[in-house]
């Protein structure tokens, strides 16, 4: 069933559309957080739950035209705001002092994650834009990387939402597998922690998988993961330059809009690194960023049509799983060096 197109009816006030849309996306995000506390849904997490709720709403009733402005505000403005707040999680000084070995491993993982998912996608004939988003999410930092890369490569909203959902689901499956395999692996606690930090998709996945390694292992794992988060900045700047050069050759001009939210991400990273915030405030900002990211996922979920997801999602999911498995095996080898 094809969902009807979204239009603001004649005479409808934009402010009303903004308010209704924001109330809708905030309500779905709140519902997703509540559902994520349930034992079965807890494994999935609020991000993918919010996308799923919005997609179900669209499939059943269509995207409400009177909420268009608020939905777009959530999926664009609040998404970029969440990325800016995400910078407070990154301690640049600590990452840069963790040693060249781990940082080189992070660089290798980012390169491998992006390229392997892309190669498998080409082989499976998956949708290329979605595949690139999945590669960035696999190699760098999951949903945050997809959200940051998406406007630079001018990805469609439904590709962004689909990519986030796939990354969250795949990362959850790998986290469960890591935790189950931990007692049988010939790794020390530090090696296991580095493996998790090098290969898993989201910060939450790394934290969950590294918990059996103890508090020391958790710290090493999160620090390793933060090295990959740090590489989001040069990766996006490289993409921006690449797109500008490519468009310049094709059109004789440079028309790629600069993603200013990356400046905000860099600023919050530097601020949090140079001037550590009080713990209650820091945790509050992190929780706010997570909630706003969930609100943005609800907004993006309204762009997903289940029939199109079935059509193009399976091949991309196959490329994601294959690329993630190869990345995991490579990261296991790097962790033992």
Protein backbone atom coordinates (compact mmCIF):
# COMPACT_ATOMS: atom_id res chain seq x y z
CA UNK A 1 0.00 0.00 0.00
CA UNK A 2 1.51 3.29 -1.06
CA UNK A 3 1.35 6.01 1.55
CA UNK A 4 -0.16 9.29 0.39
CA UNK A 5 2.17 12.21 -0.27
CA UNK A 6 2.64 14.76 2.48
CA UNK A 7 1.10 18.18 1.83
CA UNK A 8 0.03 21.03 4.03
CA UNK A 9 -3.58 21.72 3.23
CA UNK A 10 -4.58 25.16 1.93
CA UNK A 11 -5.04 27.69 4.68
CA UNK A 12 -3.15 25.63 7.26
CA UNK A 13 -0.82 27.69 9.45
CA UNK A 14 2.87 26.65 9.30
CA UNK A 15 3.23 27.22 13.07
CA UNK A 16 0.40 24.78 13.68
CA UNK A 17 2.05 22.21 11.41
CA UNK A 18 5.34 22.67 13.26
CA UNK A 19 3.71 22.21 16.67
CA UNK A 20 1.70 19.16 15.67
CA UNK A 21 4.70 17.51 14.03
CA UNK A 22 6.95 18.14 17.00
CA UNK A 23 4.35 16.80 19.42
CA UNK A 24 4.01 13.70 17.27
CA UNK A 25 7.74 12.98 16.96
CA UNK A 26 8.43 13.76 20.64
CA UNK A 27 5.56 11.46 21.65
CA UNK A 28 6.86 8.62 19.50
CA UNK A 29 10.37 9.12 20.91
CA UNK A 30 9.03 9.03 24.47
CA UNK A 31 7.05 5.90 23.66
CA UNK A 32 10.17 4.33 22.14
CA UNK A 33 12.15 4.99 25.34
CA UNK A 34 9.40 3.41 27.43
CA UNK A 35 9.14 0.38 25.17
CA UNK A 36 12.92 0.02 25.16
CA UNK A 37 12.75 -0.76 28.89
CA UNK A 38 10.82 -3.96 28.15
CA UNK A 39 12.94 -7.14 28.23
CA UNK A 40 12.41 -8.07 24.59
CA UNK A 41 12.61 -4.55 23.16
CA UNK A 42 15.54 -3.54 25.37
CA UNK A 43 17.92 -5.36 23.07
CA UNK A 44 16.76 -3.28 20.09
CA UNK A 45 16.99 0.13 21.78
CA UNK A 46 15.00 3.36 21.39
CA UNK A 47 16.44 4.51 18.05
CA UNK A 48 15.25 1.60 15.95
CA UNK A 49 12.03 1.40 18.02
CA UNK A 50 11.20 5.02 17.15
CA UNK A 51 11.86 4.39 13.44
CA UNK A 52 9.71 1.28 13.54
CA UNK A 53 6.80 3.06 15.28
CA UNK A 54 6.82 5.92 12.75
CA UNK A 55 7.10 3.52 9.81
CA UNK A 56 4.15 1.51 11.12
CA UNK A 57 2.14 4.73 11.50
CA UNK A 58 2.91 5.68 7.89
CA UNK A 59 2.05 2.23 6.60
CA UNK A 60 -1.25 2.09 8.49
CA UNK A 61 -2.53 5.68 8.23
CA UNK A 62 -0.16 7.60 5.98
CA UNK A 63 2.05 10.49 7.00
CA UNK A 64 -0.15 13.23 8.54
CA UNK A 65 -0.10 16.28 6.27
CA UNK A 66 -0.86 18.65 9.14
CA UNK A 67 2.38 17.58 10.86
CA UNK A 68 4.74 17.99 7.89
CA UNK A 69 6.70 21.02 9.14
CA UNK A 70 7.34 19.50 12.57
CA UNK A 71 8.37 16.16 11.13
CA UNK A 72 10.86 17.84 8.80
CA UNK A 73 12.18 19.99 11.65
CA UNK A 74 12.75 16.86 13.74
CA UNK A 75 14.43 14.88 10.96
CA UNK A 76 16.75 17.73 9.92
CA UNK A 77 17.30 20.45 12.55
CA UNK A 78 17.02 18.24 15.64
CA UNK A 79 19.14 15.57 13.94
CA UNK A 80 21.97 18.05 13.45
CA UNK A 81 21.50 19.35 17.00
CA UNK A 82 21.89 15.80 18.31
CA UNK A 83 25.14 15.40 16.34
CA UNK A 84 26.49 18.62 17.87
CA UNK A 85 25.65 17.40 21.38
CA UNK A 86 27.26 14.05 20.51
CA UNK A 87 30.60 15.89 20.53
CA UNK A 88 30.49 16.13 24.33
CA UNK A 89 31.05 12.36 24.44
CA UNK A 90 34.43 12.71 22.74
CA UNK A 91 37.53 13.47 24.83
CA UNK A 92 40.02 14.41 22.10
CA UNK A 93 42.99 14.73 24.42
CA UNK A 94 42.50 11.25 25.85
CA UNK A 95 42.02 9.75 22.38
CA UNK A 96 45.12 11.44 20.93
CA UNK A 97 47.26 10.17 23.83
CA UNK A 98 46.10 6.56 23.64
CA UNK A 99 49.06 5.60 21.46
CA UNK A 100 49.74 5.36 17.72
CA UNK A 101 48.96 1.64 17.60
CA UNK A 102 45.29 1.96 18.56
CA UNK A 103 44.81 5.07 16.44
CA UNK A 104 46.28 3.33 13.39
CA UNK A 105 43.97 0.42 14.10
CA UNK A 106 41.01 2.81 14.17
CA UNK A 107 42.07 4.30 10.83
CA UNK A 108 42.34 0.82 9.31
CA UNK A 109 38.92 -0.12 10.66
CA UNK A 110 37.25 3.00 9.26
CA UNK A 111 38.78 2.38 5.82
CA UNK A 112 37.90 -1.31 5.91
CA UNK A 113 34.34 -0.75 7.15
CA UNK A 114 33.48 1.76 4.43
CA UNK A 115 35.13 -0.11 1.56
CA UNK A 116 34.04 -3.68 2.38
CA UNK A 117 30.37 -2.82 2.78
CA UNK A 118 30.58 -0.83 -0.47
CA UNK A 119 32.26 -3.72 -2.36
CA UNK A 120 29.77 -6.29 -1.07
CA UNK A 121 26.94 -3.91 -2.00
CA UNK A 122 28.24 -3.56 -5.54
CA UNK A 123 28.48 -7.33 -5.81
CA UNK A 124 24.92 -7.78 -4.50
CA UNK A 125 23.67 -4.84 -6.62
CA UNK A 126 22.35 -2.99 -3.58
CA UNK A 127 21.32 0.66 -3.66
CA UNK A 128 24.66 2.59 -3.68
CA UNK A 129 23.73 5.58 -1.50
CA UNK A 130 22.26 3.37 1.22
CA UNK A 131 25.33 1.12 0.99
CA UNK A 132 27.69 4.05 1.50
CA UNK A 133 25.74 5.19 4.55
CA UNK A 134 25.93 1.67 5.97
CA UNK A 135 29.67 1.56 5.31
CA UNK A 136 30.17 4.82 7.19
CA UNK A 137 28.04 3.59 10.07
CA UNK A 138 29.94 0.30 10.22
CA UNK A 139 33.40 1.80 10.09
CA UNK A 140 32.91 4.89 12.27
CA UNK A 141 30.13 5.27 14.83
CA UNK A 142 26.79 3.88 13.74
CA UNK A 143 23.78 6.18 13.62
CA UNK A 144 25.82 9.33 14.35
CA UNK A 145 28.04 8.70 11.34
CA UNK A 146 25.06 8.05 9.07
CA UNK A 147 23.39 11.25 10.27
CA UNK A 148 26.57 13.25 9.67
CA UNK A 149 27.36 11.80 6.25
CA UNK A 150 23.81 11.86 4.91
CA UNK A 151 23.52 15.61 4.11
CA UNK A 152 27.01 15.68 2.58
CA UNK A 153 26.18 13.01 0.00
CA UNK A 154 22.59 14.33 -0.29
CA UNK A 155 21.02 11.03 0.71
CA UNK A 156 17.25 10.68 0.80
CA UNK A 157 15.56 10.70 4.20
CA UNK A 158 14.27 7.15 3.75
CA UNK A 159 17.81 5.91 3.01
CA UNK A 160 19.05 7.63 6.17
CA UNK A 161 16.30 6.12 8.32
CA UNK A 162 16.72 2.68 6.77
CA UNK A 163 20.48 2.83 7.30
CA UNK A 164 20.13 3.78 10.96
CA UNK A 165 17.66 0.97 11.55
CA UNK A 166 19.89 -1.61 9.88
CA UNK A 167 22.99 -0.44 11.76
CA UNK A 168 21.20 -0.55 15.11
CA UNK A 169 19.83 -4.04 14.45
CA UNK A 170 23.11 -5.45 13.13
CA UNK A 171 25.12 -3.93 15.97
CA UNK A 172 22.73 -5.42 18.50
CA UNK A 173 23.09 -8.90 16.97
CA UNK A 174 26.89 -8.65 17.01
CA UNK A 175 26.86 -7.39 20.60
CA UNK A 176 24.86 -10.41 21.71
CA UNK A 177 27.23 -12.70 19.80
CA UNK A 178 30.32 -11.09 21.37
CA UNK A 179 28.91 -11.45 24.87
CA UNK A 180 27.99 -15.09 24.29
CA UNK A 181 31.40 -15.95 22.79
CA UNK A 182 33.49 -14.13 25.41
CA UNK A 183 34.07 -17.16 27.72
CA UNK A 184 35.26 -19.29 24.79
CA UNK A 185 37.65 -16.84 23.13
CA UNK A 186 41.45 -17.04 23.65
CA UNK A 187 41.61 -13.28 24.39
CA UNK A 188 42.81 -11.43 27.45
CA UNK A 189 40.42 -8.88 28.91
CA UNK A 190 42.33 -6.06 27.21
CA UNK A 191 42.39 -7.82 23.84
CA UNK A 192 38.68 -8.51 24.02
CA UNK A 193 38.01 -4.88 24.94
CA UNK A 194 40.09 -3.60 22.02
CA UNK A 195 38.30 -6.01 19.67
CA UNK A 196 34.90 -4.71 20.75
CA UNK A 197 36.02 -1.09 20.49
CA UNK A 198 37.50 -1.59 17.03
CA UNK A 199 34.60 -3.46 15.48
CA UNK A 200 31.18 -2.74 17.02
CA UNK A 201 28.92 -0.09 15.55
CA UNK A 202 27.52 2.12 18.35
CA UNK A 203 28.97 3.38 21.63
CA UNK A 204 26.14 1.59 23.42
CA UNK A 205 27.07 -1.66 21.67
CA UNK A 206 30.71 -1.29 22.74
CA UNK A 207 29.75 -0.55 26.34
CA UNK A 208 27.40 -3.53 26.50
CA UNK A 209 29.82 -5.98 24.91
CA UNK A 210 32.82 -4.78 26.97
CA UNK A 211 31.08 -5.07 30.33
CA UNK A 212 32.30 -8.70 30.89
CA UNK A 213 35.89 -7.38 30.63
CA UNK A 214 35.48 -5.35 33.83
CA UNK A 215 35.82 -1.62 34.45
CA UNK A 216 39.40 -1.50 33.11
CA UNK A 217 38.42 -3.32 29.95
CA UNK A 218 35.40 -1.07 29.53
CA UNK A 219 37.62 2.02 29.65
CA UNK A 220 40.00 0.61 27.02
CA UNK A 221 37.11 -0.42 24.80
CA UNK A 222 35.37 2.95 24.93
CA UNK A 223 38.65 4.78 24.36
CA UNK A 224 39.31 2.66 21.28
CA UNK A 225 35.82 3.39 20.02
CA UNK A 226 36.30 7.12 20.62
CA UNK A 227 39.24 7.04 18.24
CA UNK A 228 36.83 6.00 15.51
CA UNK A 229 34.41 8.76 16.54
CA UNK A 230 37.24 11.29 16.24
CA UNK A 231 37.84 10.17 12.65
CA UNK A 232 34.28 11.21 11.76
CA UNK A 233 35.52 14.81 11.40
CA UNK A 234 38.31 14.24 8.83
CA UNK A 235 36.17 11.66 7.04
CA UNK A 236 33.32 14.16 6.54
CA UNK A 237 35.74 16.90 5.48
CA UNK A 238 37.27 14.52 2.94
CA UNK A 239 33.81 13.68 1.60
CA UNK A 240 32.97 17.37 1.35
CA UNK A 241 36.14 18.12 -0.62
CA UNK A 242 35.61 15.08 -2.86
CA UNK A 243 32.04 16.13 -3.69
CA UNK A 244 33.08 19.71 -4.39
CA UNK A 245 35.84 18.62 -6.75
CA UNK A 246 33.55 16.14 -8.50
CA UNK A 247 30.74 18.65 -8.94
CA UNK A 248 33.23 21.31 -9.98
CA UNK A 249 34.53 19.12 -12.80
CA UNK A 250 31.02 18.25 -13.89
CA UNK A 251 29.33 21.63 -13.59
CA UNK A 252 32.19 24.11 -13.52
CA UNK A 253 31.20 25.33 -10.06
CA UNK A 254 31.28 24.35 -6.39
CA UNK A 255 27.77 23.95 -5.07
CA UNK A 256 28.07 21.58 -2.16
CA UNK A 257 26.67 23.14 1.00
CA UNK A 258 29.11 23.08 3.91
CA UNK A 259 27.76 20.98 6.81
CA UNK A 260 28.03 23.62 9.53
CA UNK A 261 26.84 21.22 12.20
CA UNK A 262 30.28 19.58 11.95
CA UNK A 263 31.75 22.84 13.24
CA UNK A 264 29.40 22.51 16.22
CA UNK A 265 30.45 18.88 16.69
CA UNK A 266 34.11 19.93 16.69
CA UNK A 267 33.39 22.82 19.07
CA UNK A 268 31.57 20.65 21.63
CA UNK A 269 34.33 18.05 21.37
CA UNK A 270 37.00 20.66 22.09
CA UNK A 271 34.95 22.25 24.85
CA UNK A 272 34.35 18.96 26.61
CA UNK A 273 38.00 17.96 26.19
CA UNK A 274 39.60 21.21 27.39
CA UNK A 275 37.04 22.15 30.03
CA UNK A 276 35.50 19.00 31.52
CA UNK A 277 31.89 19.59 32.47
CA UNK A 278 30.48 18.66 35.89
CA UNK A 279 29.32 15.05 35.86
CA UNK A 280 25.55 15.73 36.34
CA UNK A 281 25.56 18.36 33.58
CA UNK A 282 27.64 16.18 31.26
CA UNK A 283 25.32 13.21 31.72
CA UNK A 284 22.30 15.46 31.21
CA UNK A 285 23.68 16.77 27.91
CA UNK A 286 24.45 13.23 26.73
CA UNK A 287 20.94 12.03 27.61
CA UNK A 288 19.43 15.07 25.87
CA UNK A 289 21.46 14.33 22.74
CA UNK A 290 20.30 10.70 22.77
CA UNK A 291 16.66 11.75 23.16
CA UNK A 292 16.88 14.33 20.36
CA UNK A 293 18.49 11.71 18.13
CA UNK A 294 15.54 9.42 18.90
CA UNK A 295 13.11 12.25 18.04
CA UNK A 296 14.96 12.70 14.75
CA UNK A 297 14.70 8.97 14.06
CA UNK A 298 10.93 9.19 14.57
CA UNK A 299 10.83 11.99 12.02
CA UNK A 300 12.88 9.96 9.56
CA UNK A 301 10.69 6.93 10.18
CA UNK A 302 7.78 8.73 8.49
CA UNK A 303 9.73 8.63 5.22
CA UNK A 304 9.95 4.82 5.20
CA UNK A 305 7.48 2.85 3.12
CA UNK A 306 7.60 -0.82 4.00
CA UNK A 307 7.11 -1.96 0.42
CA UNK A 308 10.20 -0.04 -0.73
CA UNK A 309 12.16 -1.31 2.27
CA UNK A 310 11.47 -4.90 1.24
CA UNK A 311 12.48 -4.06 -2.30
CA UNK A 312 15.90 -2.52 -1.67
CA UNK A 313 16.70 -3.35 1.95
CA UNK A 314 17.57 -7.05 1.81
CA UNK A 315 20.57 -6.70 -0.49
CA UNK A 316 21.91 -3.77 1.49
CA UNK A 317 21.41 -5.74 4.72
CA UNK A 318 23.34 -8.65 3.21
CA UNK A 319 26.23 -6.31 2.34
CA UNK A 320 26.13 -4.84 5.86
CA UNK A 321 26.24 -8.25 7.55
CA UNK A 322 29.06 -9.49 5.31
CA UNK A 323 31.08 -6.32 5.76
CA UNK A 324 30.55 -6.30 9.53
CA UNK A 325 31.66 -9.93 9.81
CA UNK A 326 34.83 -9.29 7.81
CA UNK A 327 35.52 -6.18 9.90
CA UNK A 328 35.03 -8.17 13.11
CA UNK A 329 37.49 -10.87 12.03
CA UNK A 330 40.07 -8.26 11.01
CA UNK A 331 39.61 -6.36 14.28
CA UNK A 332 40.11 -9.61 16.23
CA UNK A 333 43.44 -10.06 14.48
CA UNK A 334 44.46 -6.44 15.12
CA UNK A 335 43.57 -6.78 18.82
CA UNK A 336 46.12 -9.57 19.25
CA UNK A 337 49.05 -7.66 17.71
